[in-house]
């Protein structure tokens, strides 16, 4: 729960990127393979980015001494 706001913000940004690219692709490349295959490929790439950037930051290594 600690990083939920960070992940939510990342999801909103990536969702906005998808909507913007989708609108541009549908206007510029109407009825081509780009709208058929490019948009699902873009969605998959954005999911991979979310999985990479949405991870918790690495915790610092603690020594055995207190």
PDB file of N, CA and C in Angstrom:
ATOM      1  N   UNK A   1       0.815  -1.204   0.000  1.00  0.00           N
ATOM      2  CA  UNK A   1       0.000   0.000   0.000  1.00  0.00           C
ATOM      3  C   UNK A   1       0.854   1.261   0.000  1.00  0.00           C
ATOM      4  N   UNK A   2       2.109   1.094   0.343  1.00  0.00           N
ATOM      5  CA  UNK A   2       2.960   2.258   0.476  1.00  0.00           C
ATOM      6  C   UNK A   2       3.176   2.984  -0.845  1.00  0.00           C
ATOM      7  N   UNK A   3       3.237   2.229  -1.917  1.00  0.00           N
ATOM      8  CA  UNK A   3       3.530   2.819  -3.222  1.00  0.00           C
ATOM      9  C   UNK A   3       2.316   2.803  -4.146  1.00  0.00           C
ATOM     10  N   UNK A   4       1.135   2.699  -3.589  1.00  0.00           N
ATOM     11  CA  UNK A   4      -0.085   2.631  -4.397  1.00  0.00           C
ATOM     12  C   UNK A   4      -0.313   3.928  -5.175  1.00  0.00           C
ATOM     13  N   UNK A   5      -0.054   5.069  -4.576  1.00  0.00           N
ATOM     14  CA  UNK A   5      -0.251   6.349  -5.269  1.00  0.00           C
ATOM     15  C   UNK A   5       0.724   6.486  -6.434  1.00  0.00           C
ATOM     16  N   UNK A   6       1.932   6.014  -6.236  1.00  0.00           N
ATOM     17  CA  UNK A   6       2.926   6.060  -7.311  1.00  0.00           C
ATOM     18  C   UNK A   6       2.494   5.187  -8.481  1.00  0.00           C
ATOM     19  N   UNK A   7       2.011   3.989  -8.188  1.00  0.00           N
ATOM     20  CA  UNK A   7       1.543   3.094  -9.247  1.00  0.00           C
ATOM     21  C   UNK A   7       0.300   3.645  -9.935  1.00  0.00           C
ATOM     22  N   UNK A   8      -0.592   4.261  -9.183  1.00  0.00           N
ATOM     23  CA  UNK A   8      -1.795   4.840  -9.759  1.00  0.00           C
ATOM     24  C   UNK A   8      -1.446   5.978 -10.714  1.00  0.00           C
ATOM     25  N   UNK A   9      -0.521   6.824 -10.301  1.00  0.00           N
ATOM     26  CA  UNK A   9      -0.070   7.934 -11.144  1.00  0.00           C
ATOM     27  C   UNK A   9       0.580   7.401 -12.425  1.00  0.00           C
ATOM     28  N   UNK A  10       1.369   6.349 -12.297  1.00  0.00           N
ATOM     29  CA  UNK A  10       2.003   5.734 -13.460  1.00  0.00           C
ATOM     30  C   UNK A  10       0.953   5.148 -14.400  1.00  0.00           C
ATOM     31  N   UNK A  11      -0.064   4.512 -13.850  1.00  0.00           N
ATOM     32  CA  UNK A  11      -1.135   3.948 -14.679  1.00  0.00           C
ATOM     33  C   UNK A  11      -1.905   5.048 -15.403  1.00  0.00           C
ATOM     34  N   UNK A  12      -2.148   6.162 -14.739  1.00  0.00           N
ATOM     35  CA  UNK A  12      -2.849   7.278 -15.379  1.00  0.00           C
ATOM     36  C   UNK A  12      -2.013   7.843 -16.531  1.00  0.00           C
ATOM     37  N   UNK A  13      -0.733   8.007 -16.324  1.00  0.00           N
ATOM     38  CA  UNK A  13       0.139   8.550 -17.373  1.00  0.00           C
ATOM     39  C   UNK A  13       0.210   7.594 -18.557  1.00  0.00           C
ATOM     40  N   UNK A  14       0.423   6.305 -18.288  1.00  0.00           N
ATOM     41  CA  UNK A  14       0.513   5.333 -19.376  1.00  0.00           C
ATOM     42  C   UNK A  14      -0.825   5.183 -20.098  1.00  0.00           C
ATOM     43  N   UNK A  15      -1.926   5.287 -19.385  1.00  0.00           N
ATOM     44  CA  UNK A  15      -3.242   5.266 -20.019  1.00  0.00           C
ATOM     45  C   UNK A  15      -3.439   6.463 -20.930  1.00  0.00           C
ATOM     46  N   UNK A  16      -2.974   7.616 -20.497  1.00  0.00           N
ATOM     47  CA  UNK A  16      -3.043   8.816 -21.334  1.00  0.00           C
ATOM     48  C   UNK A  16      -2.189   8.691 -22.586  1.00  0.00           C
ATOM     49  N   UNK A  17      -1.012   8.076 -22.436  1.00  0.00           N
ATOM     50  CA  UNK A  17      -0.154   7.840 -23.598  1.00  0.00           C
ATOM     51  C   UNK A  17      -0.865   6.922 -24.590  1.00  0.00           C
ATOM     52  N   UNK A  18      -1.528   5.882 -24.087  1.00  0.00           N
ATOM     53  CA  UNK A  18      -2.238   4.959 -24.974  1.00  0.00           C
ATOM     54  C   UNK A  18      -3.383   5.664 -25.703  1.00  0.00           C
ATOM     55  N   UNK A  19      -4.155   6.455 -24.990  1.00  0.00           N
ATOM     56  CA  UNK A  19      -5.290   7.152 -25.615  1.00  0.00           C
ATOM     57  C   UNK A  19      -4.797   8.133 -26.672  1.00  0.00           C
ATOM     58  N   UNK A  20      -3.751   8.876 -26.370  1.00  0.00           N
ATOM     59  CA  UNK A  20      -3.200   9.835 -27.324  1.00  0.00           C
ATOM     60  C   UNK A  20      -2.652   9.137 -28.565  1.00  0.00           C
ATOM     61  N   UNK A  21      -1.849   8.094 -28.372  1.00  0.00           N
ATOM     62  CA  UNK A  21      -1.286   7.369 -29.514  1.00  0.00           C
ATOM     63  C   UNK A  21      -2.372   6.656 -30.305  1.00  0.00           C
ATOM     64  N   UNK A  22      -3.378   6.154 -29.624  1.00  0.00           N
ATOM     65  CA  UNK A  22      -4.482   5.491 -30.301  1.00  0.00           C
ATOM     66  C   UNK A  22      -5.247   6.472 -31.180  1.00  0.00           C
ATOM     67  N   UNK A  23      -5.506   7.654 -30.670  1.00  0.00           N
ATOM     68  CA  UNK A  23      -6.223   8.656 -31.457  1.00  0.00           C
ATOM     69  C   UNK A  23      -5.410   9.082 -32.671  1.00  0.00           C
ATOM     70  N   UNK A  24      -4.123   9.298 -32.480  1.00  0.00           N
ATOM     71  CA  UNK A  24      -3.272   9.694 -33.598  1.00  0.00           C
ATOM     72  C   UNK A  24      -3.204   8.580 -34.641  1.00  0.00           C
ATOM     73  N   UNK A  25      -3.047   7.342 -34.193  1.00  0.00           N
ATOM     74  CA  UNK A  25      -2.954   6.222 -35.133  1.00  0.00           C
ATOM     75  C   UNK A  25      -4.249   6.032 -35.901  1.00  0.00           C
ATOM     76  N   UNK A  26      -5.378   6.218 -35.250  1.00  0.00           N
ATOM     77  CA  UNK A  26      -6.655   6.040 -35.949  1.00  0.00           C
ATOM     78  C   UNK A  26      -6.922   7.154 -36.956  1.00  0.00           C
ATOM     79  N   UNK A  27      -6.404   8.339 -36.704  1.00  0.00           N
ATOM     80  CA  UNK A  27      -6.588   9.446 -37.649  1.00  0.00           C
ATOM     81  C   UNK A  27      -5.614   9.324 -38.821  1.00  0.00           C
ATOM     82  N   UNK A  28      -4.356   9.078 -38.511  1.00  0.00           N
ATOM     83  CA  UNK A  28      -3.322   9.065 -39.544  1.00  0.00           C
ATOM     84  C   UNK A  28      -3.333   7.762 -40.349  1.00  0.00           C
ATOM     85  N   UNK A  29      -3.466   6.632 -39.660  1.00  0.00           N
ATOM     86  CA  UNK A  29      -3.372   5.320 -40.311  1.00  0.00           C
ATOM     87  C   UNK A  29      -4.722   4.614 -40.328  1.00  0.00           C
ATOM     88  N   UNK A  30      -5.770   5.262 -40.752  1.00  0.00           N
ATOM     89  CA  UNK A  30      -7.087   4.628 -40.720  1.00  0.00           C
ATOM     90  C   UNK A  30      -7.143   3.452 -41.693  1.00  0.00           C
ATOM     91  N   UNK A  31      -7.718   2.357 -41.237  1.00  0.00           N
ATOM     92  CA  UNK A  31      -7.913   1.128 -42.015  1.00  0.00           C
ATOM     93  C   UNK A  31      -6.617   0.548 -42.575  1.00  0.00           C
ATOM     94  N   UNK A  32      -5.579   0.507 -41.756  1.00  0.00           N
ATOM     95  CA  UNK A  32      -4.331  -0.151 -42.148  1.00  0.00           C
ATOM     96  C   UNK A  32      -3.944  -1.143 -41.070  1.00  0.00           C
ATOM     97  N   UNK A  33      -2.844  -1.832 -41.303  1.00  0.00           N
ATOM     98  CA  UNK A  33      -2.381  -2.813 -40.330  1.00  0.00           C
ATOM     99  C   UNK A  33      -1.916  -2.160 -39.030  1.00  0.00           C
ATOM    100  N   UNK A  34      -1.597  -0.883 -39.073  1.00  0.00           N
ATOM    101  CA  UNK A  34      -1.141  -0.193 -37.864  1.00  0.00           C
ATOM    102  C   UNK A  34      -2.253  -0.160 -36.819  1.00  0.00           C
ATOM    103  N   UNK A  35      -3.466   0.114 -37.245  1.00  0.00           N
ATOM    104  CA  UNK A  35      -4.569   0.140 -36.282  1.00  0.00           C
ATOM    105  C   UNK A  35      -4.966  -1.271 -35.859  1.00  0.00           C
ATOM    106  N   UNK A  36      -4.707  -2.267 -36.712  1.00  0.00           N
ATOM    107  CA  UNK A  36      -5.045  -3.644 -36.356  1.00  0.00           C
ATOM    108  C   UNK A  36      -4.023  -4.270 -35.416  1.00  0.00           C
ATOM    109  N   UNK A  37      -2.742  -4.065 -35.690  1.00  0.00           N
ATOM    110  CA  UNK A  37      -1.685  -4.725 -34.927  1.00  0.00           C
ATOM    111  C   UNK A  37      -0.871  -3.785 -34.059  1.00  0.00           C
ATOM    112  N   UNK A  38      -0.797  -2.536 -34.438  1.00  0.00           N
ATOM    113  CA  UNK A  38       0.041  -1.594 -33.702  1.00  0.00           C
ATOM    114  C   UNK A  38      -0.499  -1.220 -32.341  1.00  0.00           C
ATOM    115  N   UNK A  39      -1.810  -1.054 -32.250  1.00  0.00           N
ATOM    116  CA  UNK A  39      -2.389  -0.653 -30.963  1.00  0.00           C
ATOM    117  C   UNK A  39      -2.301  -1.755 -29.910  1.00  0.00           C
ATOM    118  N   UNK A  40      -2.569  -3.024 -30.246  1.00  0.00           N
ATOM    119  CA  UNK A  40      -2.328  -4.069 -29.233  1.00  0.00           C
ATOM    120  C   UNK A  40      -0.852  -4.196 -28.860  1.00  0.00           C
ATOM    121  N   UNK A  41       0.041  -3.991 -29.829  1.00  0.00           N
ATOM    122  CA  UNK A  41       1.473  -4.023 -29.524  1.00  0.00           C
ATOM    123  C   UNK A  41       1.852  -2.869 -28.599  1.00  0.00           C
ATOM    124  N   UNK A  42       1.273  -1.704 -28.838  1.00  0.00           N
ATOM    125  CA  UNK A  42       1.508  -0.557 -27.956  1.00  0.00           C
ATOM    126  C   UNK A  42       0.999  -0.843 -26.551  1.00  0.00           C
ATOM    127  N   UNK A  43      -0.183  -1.436 -26.455  1.00  0.00           N
ATOM    128  CA  UNK A  43      -0.742  -1.763 -25.145  1.00  0.00           C
ATOM    129  C   UNK A  43       0.161  -2.748 -24.411  1.00  0.00           C
ATOM    130  N   UNK A  44       0.663  -3.748 -25.107  1.00  0.00           N
ATOM    131  CA  UNK A  44       1.569  -4.716 -24.489  1.00  0.00           C
ATOM    132  C   UNK A  44       2.860  -4.048 -24.022  1.00  0.00           C
ATOM    133  N   UNK A  45       3.392  -3.158 -24.829  1.00  0.00           N
ATOM    134  CA  UNK A  45       4.609  -2.438 -24.438  1.00  0.00           C
ATOM    135  C   UNK A  45       4.371  -1.565 -23.209  1.00  0.00           C
ATOM    136  N   UNK A  46       3.203  -0.925 -23.132  1.00  0.00           N
ATOM    137  CA  UNK A  46       2.906  -0.094 -21.968  1.00  0.00           C
ATOM    138  C   UNK A  46       2.706  -0.932 -20.711  1.00  0.00           C
ATOM    139  N   UNK A  47       2.149  -2.129 -20.858  1.00  0.00           N
ATOM    140  CA  UNK A  47       2.014  -3.033 -19.701  1.00  0.00           C
ATOM    141  C   UNK A  47       3.388  -3.454 -19.201  1.00  0.00           C
ATOM    142  N   UNK A  48       4.294  -3.746 -20.117  1.00  0.00           N
ATOM    143  CA  UNK A  48       5.662  -4.104 -19.718  1.00  0.00           C
ATOM    144  C   UNK A  48       6.330  -2.934 -19.004  1.00  0.00           C
ATOM    145  N   UNK A  49       6.144  -1.726 -19.513  1.00  0.00           N
ATOM    146  CA  UNK A  49       6.694  -0.547 -18.840  1.00  0.00           C
ATOM    147  C   UNK A  49       6.110  -0.377 -17.440  1.00  0.00           C
ATOM    148  N   UNK A  50       4.806  -0.643 -17.311  1.00  0.00           N
ATOM    149  CA  UNK A  50       4.187  -0.539 -15.993  1.00  0.00           C
ATOM    150  C   UNK A  50       4.783  -1.568 -15.035  1.00  0.00           C
ATOM    151  N   UNK A  51       5.000  -2.780 -15.515  1.00  0.00           N
ATOM    152  CA  UNK A  51       5.570  -3.820 -14.657  1.00  0.00           C
ATOM    153  C   UNK A  51       6.996  -3.492 -14.252  1.00  0.00           C
ATOM    154  N   UNK A  52       7.740  -2.840 -15.133  1.00  0.00           N
ATOM    155  CA  UNK A  52       9.125  -2.483 -14.808  1.00  0.00           C
ATOM    156  C   UNK A  52       9.174  -1.288 -13.850  1.00  0.00           C
ATOM    157  N   UNK A  53       8.474  -0.212 -14.204  1.00  0.00           N
ATOM    158  CA  UNK A  53       8.551   1.011 -13.404  1.00  0.00           C
ATOM    159  C   UNK A  53       7.646   0.992 -12.176  1.00  0.00           C
ATOM    160  N   UNK A  54       6.711   0.054 -12.093  1.00  0.00           N
ATOM    161  CA  UNK A  54       5.804  -0.012 -10.964  1.00  0.00           C
ATOM    162  C   UNK A  54       6.294  -0.850  -9.804  1.00  0.00           C
ATOM    163  N   UNK A  55       7.499  -1.379  -9.920  1.00  0.00           N
ATOM    164  CA  UNK A  55       8.047  -2.194  -8.840  1.00  0.00           C
ATOM    165  C   UNK A  55       8.414  -1.327  -7.641  1.00  0.00           C
ATOM    166  N   UNK A  56       8.433  -1.960  -6.484  1.00  0.00           N
ATOM    167  CA  UNK A  56       8.891  -1.260  -5.287  1.00  0.00           C
ATOM    168  C   UNK A  56      10.380  -0.972  -5.410  1.00  0.00           C
ATOM    169  N   UNK A  57      10.837   0.157  -4.911  1.00  0.00           N
ATOM    170  CA  UNK A  57      12.274   0.431  -4.929  1.00  0.00           C
ATOM    171  C   UNK A  57      13.018  -0.587  -4.071  1.00  0.00           C
ATOM    172  N   UNK A  58      14.236  -0.850  -4.453  1.00  0.00           N
ATOM    173  CA  UNK A  58      15.044  -1.812  -3.706  1.00  0.00           C
ATOM    174  C   UNK A  58      15.331  -1.272  -2.304  1.00  0.00           C
ATOM    175  N   UNK A  59      15.184  -2.124  -1.323  1.00  0.00           N
ATOM    176  CA  UNK A  59      15.488  -1.754   0.061  1.00  0.00           C
ATOM    177  C   UNK A  59      16.991  -1.777   0.259  1.00  0.00           C
ATOM    178  N   UNK A  60      17.537  -0.849   1.033  1.00  0.00           N
ATOM    179  CA  UNK A  60      18.981  -0.873   1.285  1.00  0.00           C
ATOM    180  C   UNK A  60      19.353  -2.107   2.100  1.00  0.00           C
ATOM    181  N   UNK A  61      20.529  -2.625   1.818  1.00  0.00           N
ATOM    182  CA  UNK A  61      21.009  -3.817   2.524  1.00  0.00           C
ATOM    183  C   UNK A  61      21.442  -3.410   3.915  1.00  0.00           C
ATOM    184  N   UNK A  62      20.910  -4.122   4.921  1.00  0.00           N
ATOM    185  CA  UNK A  62      21.271  -3.826   6.325  1.00  0.00           C
ATOM    186  C   UNK A  62      22.355  -4.768   6.782  1.00  0.00           C
ATOM    187  N   UNK A  63      23.246  -4.243   7.566  1.00  0.00           N
ATOM    188  CA  UNK A  63      24.281  -5.093   8.136  1.00  0.00           C
ATOM    189  C   UNK A  63      23.696  -5.849   9.332  1.00  0.00           C
ATOM    190  N   UNK A  64      24.368  -6.871   9.766  1.00  0.00           N
ATOM    191  CA  UNK A  64      23.872  -7.687  10.875  1.00  0.00           C
ATOM    192  C   UNK A  64      23.935  -6.987  12.211  1.00  0.00           C
ATOM    193  N   UNK A  65      24.616  -5.865  12.290  1.00  0.00           N
ATOM    194  CA  UNK A  65      24.762  -5.150  13.554  1.00  0.00           C
ATOM    195  C   UNK A  65      23.668  -4.105  13.714  1.00  0.00           C
ATOM    196  N   UNK A  66      23.226  -3.907  14.933  1.00  0.00           N
ATOM    197  CA  UNK A  66      22.201  -2.897  15.193  1.00  0.00           C
ATOM    198  C   UNK A  66      22.789  -1.690  15.846  1.00  0.00           C
TER     199      UNK A  66
END
